[in-house]
Amino acid sequence: MTIEISKEATAEAMASLKRYAEENLAQPLGDLPAGMLLDFVLEEIGPAIYNKAIEDAQVRLLSRITDLSGELFADEFQYWPRLEAKRKSRR
């Protein structure tokens, strides 16, 4: 699976890589090396990050589905009990 990001995200990622190299590696990184590094990261490391995100989303969804009745349970046949409660509160 190839992970693709928008042109805007690519530009921001390359700028971030260039800044990181300049501040932490004490040498500038040009556009071509930054682009190549970004391509490598997206191809090599991106799928691991993507898979973790999918796993996290799946766990979250499964927990919500498991508790669906608790999340969305509606009390049945409550008209008369509510009406009686209203009548008692008026007295």
C-alpha atoms as a PDB file:
ATOM      1  CA  MET A   1       0.000   0.000   0.000  1.00  0.00           C
ATOM      2  CA  THR A   2       1.350   3.369  -0.981  1.00  0.00           C
ATOM      3  CA  ILE A   3       0.533   6.192   1.376  1.00  0.00           C
ATOM      4  CA  GLU A   4      -0.067   9.455  -0.413  1.00  0.00           C
ATOM      5  CA  ILE A   5      -0.415  12.881   1.123  1.00  0.00           C
ATOM      6  CA  SER A   6      -1.617  16.127  -0.407  1.00  0.00           C
ATOM      7  CA  LYS A   7       0.693  18.598  -2.109  1.00  0.00           C
ATOM      8  CA  GLU A   8       0.228  20.961   0.810  1.00  0.00           C
ATOM      9  CA  ALA A   9       1.115  18.266   3.345  1.00  0.00           C
ATOM     10  CA  THR A  10       4.120  17.262   1.225  1.00  0.00           C
ATOM     11  CA  ALA A  11       5.382  20.843   1.177  1.00  0.00           C
ATOM     12  CA  GLU A  12       4.925  21.191   4.936  1.00  0.00           C
ATOM     13  CA  ALA A  13       6.571  17.829   5.616  1.00  0.00           C
ATOM     14  CA  MET A  14       9.563  18.693   3.431  1.00  0.00           C
ATOM     15  CA  ALA A  15       9.934  22.072   5.145  1.00  0.00           C
ATOM     16  CA  SER A  16       9.797  20.306   8.520  1.00  0.00           C
ATOM     17  CA  LEU A  17      12.424  17.751   7.464  1.00  0.00           C
ATOM     18  CA  LYS A  18      14.683  20.511   6.170  1.00  0.00           C
ATOM     19  CA  ARG A  19      14.327  22.461   9.409  1.00  0.00           C
ATOM     20  CA  TYR A  20      14.964  19.344  11.499  1.00  0.00           C
ATOM     21  CA  ALA A  21      18.134  18.577   9.552  1.00  0.00           C
ATOM     22  CA  GLU A  22      19.363  22.136   9.908  1.00  0.00           C
ATOM     23  CA  GLU A  23      18.688  22.362  13.646  1.00  0.00           C
ATOM     24  CA  ASN A  24      19.615  18.821  14.706  1.00  0.00           C
ATOM     25  CA  LEU A  25      22.040  17.484  12.152  1.00  0.00           C
ATOM     26  CA  ALA A  26      24.010  20.712  11.687  1.00  0.00           C
ATOM     27  CA  GLN A  27      23.749  20.505   7.928  1.00  0.00           C
ATOM     28  CA  PRO A  28      21.123  21.774   5.528  1.00  0.00           C
ATOM     29  CA  LEU A  29      18.926  19.443   3.543  1.00  0.00           C
ATOM     30  CA  GLY A  30      17.991  20.476   0.010  1.00  0.00           C
ATOM     31  CA  ASP A  31      14.659  19.971  -1.708  1.00  0.00           C
ATOM     32  CA  LEU A  32      15.701  16.790  -3.531  1.00  0.00           C
ATOM     33  CA  PRO A  33      17.121  14.990  -0.461  1.00  0.00           C
ATOM     34  CA  ALA A  34      14.153  16.144   1.656  1.00  0.00           C
ATOM     35  CA  GLY A  35      11.739  14.826  -0.955  1.00  0.00           C
ATOM     36  CA  MET A  36      13.594  11.532  -1.191  1.00  0.00           C
ATOM     37  CA  LEU A  37      13.632  11.169   2.598  1.00  0.00           C
ATOM     38  CA  LEU A  38       9.920  11.933   2.772  1.00  0.00           C
ATOM     39  CA  ASP A  39       9.184   9.360   0.057  1.00  0.00           C
ATOM     40  CA  PHE A  40      11.217   6.788   1.984  1.00  0.00           C
ATOM     41  CA  VAL A  41       9.448   7.522   5.264  1.00  0.00           C
ATOM     42  CA  LEU A  42       6.019   7.326   3.622  1.00  0.00           C
ATOM     43  CA  GLU A  43       6.846   4.054   1.893  1.00  0.00           C
ATOM     44  CA  GLU A  44       8.800   2.348   4.662  1.00  0.00           C
ATOM     45  CA  ILE A  45       7.390   3.684   7.930  1.00  0.00           C
ATOM     46  CA  GLY A  46       4.026   5.065   6.828  1.00  0.00           C
ATOM     47  CA  PRO A  47       2.281   1.677   6.630  1.00  0.00           C
ATOM     48  CA  ALA A  48       3.245   0.855  10.230  1.00  0.00           C
ATOM     49  CA  ILE A  49       1.736   4.137  11.414  1.00  0.00           C
ATOM     50  CA  TYR A  50      -1.325   3.639   9.222  1.00  0.00           C
ATOM     51  CA  ASN A  51      -1.842   0.086  10.500  1.00  0.00           C
ATOM     52  CA  LYS A  52      -1.599   1.270  14.107  1.00  0.00           C
ATOM     53  CA  ALA A  53      -4.186   3.968  13.415  1.00  0.00           C
ATOM     54  CA  ILE A  54      -6.526   1.392  11.856  1.00  0.00           C
ATOM     55  CA  GLU A  55      -6.001  -0.930  14.838  1.00  0.00           C
ATOM     56  CA  ASP A  56      -6.762   1.896  17.279  1.00  0.00           C
ATOM     57  CA  ALA A  57      -9.894   2.859  15.341  1.00  0.00           C
ATOM     58  CA  GLN A  58     -11.030  -0.769  15.229  1.00  0.00           C
ATOM     59  CA  VAL A  59     -10.597  -1.186  18.995  1.00  0.00           C
ATOM     60  CA  ARG A  60     -12.527   2.022  19.584  1.00  0.00           C
ATOM     61  CA  LEU A  61     -15.347   1.017  17.244  1.00  0.00           C
ATOM     62  CA  LEU A  62     -15.578  -2.496  18.660  1.00  0.00           C
ATOM     63  CA  SER A  63     -15.843  -1.148  22.194  1.00  0.00           C
ATOM     64  CA  ARG A  64     -18.615   1.201  21.090  1.00  0.00           C
ATOM     65  CA  ILE A  65     -20.452  -1.570  19.236  1.00  0.00           C
ATOM     66  CA  THR A  66     -20.100  -3.947  22.182  1.00  0.00           C
ATOM     67  CA  ASP A  67     -21.783  -1.375  24.420  1.00  0.00           C
ATOM     68  CA  LEU A  68     -24.333  -0.312  21.816  1.00  0.00           C
ATOM     69  CA  SER A  69     -27.295  -1.271  23.982  1.00  0.00           C
ATOM     70  CA  GLY A  70     -25.809   0.681  26.889  1.00  0.00           C
ATOM     71  CA  GLU A  71     -25.127   3.685  24.687  1.00  0.00           C
ATOM     72  CA  LEU A  72     -28.470   3.808  22.914  1.00  0.00           C
ATOM     73  CA  PHE A  73     -30.866   1.869  25.151  1.00  0.00           C
ATOM     74  CA  ALA A  74     -34.286   3.451  25.371  1.00  0.00           C
ATOM     75  CA  ASP A  75     -36.631   2.657  28.239  1.00  0.00           C
ATOM     76  CA  GLU A  76     -39.826   1.073  26.966  1.00  0.00           C
ATOM     77  CA  PHE A  77     -43.401   1.777  27.933  1.00  0.00           C
ATOM     78  CA  GLN A  78     -42.657   4.873  29.951  1.00  0.00           C
ATOM     79  CA  TYR A  79     -45.664   7.002  29.035  1.00  0.00           C
ATOM     80  CA  TRP A  80     -47.838   6.006  31.986  1.00  0.00           C
ATOM     81  CA  PRO A  81     -45.105   6.022  34.631  1.00  0.00           C
ATOM     82  CA  ARG A  82     -44.015   9.518  33.476  1.00  0.00           C
ATOM     83  CA  LEU A  83     -47.622  10.736  33.424  1.00  0.00           C
ATOM     84  CA  GLU A  84     -48.208   9.436  36.948  1.00  0.00           C
ATOM     85  CA  ALA A  85     -44.990  11.091  38.132  1.00  0.00           C
ATOM     86  CA  LYS A  86     -46.156  14.403  36.623  1.00  0.00           C
ATOM     87  CA  ARG A  87     -49.549  14.087  38.302  1.00  0.00           C
ATOM     88  CA  LYS A  88     -47.930  13.385  41.688  1.00  0.00           C
ATOM     89  CA  SER A  89     -45.610  16.372  41.334  1.00  0.00           C
ATOM     90  CA  ARG A  90     -48.589  18.675  40.655  1.00  0.00           C
ATOM     91  CA  ARG A  91     -50.288  17.708  43.919  1.00  0.00           C
END
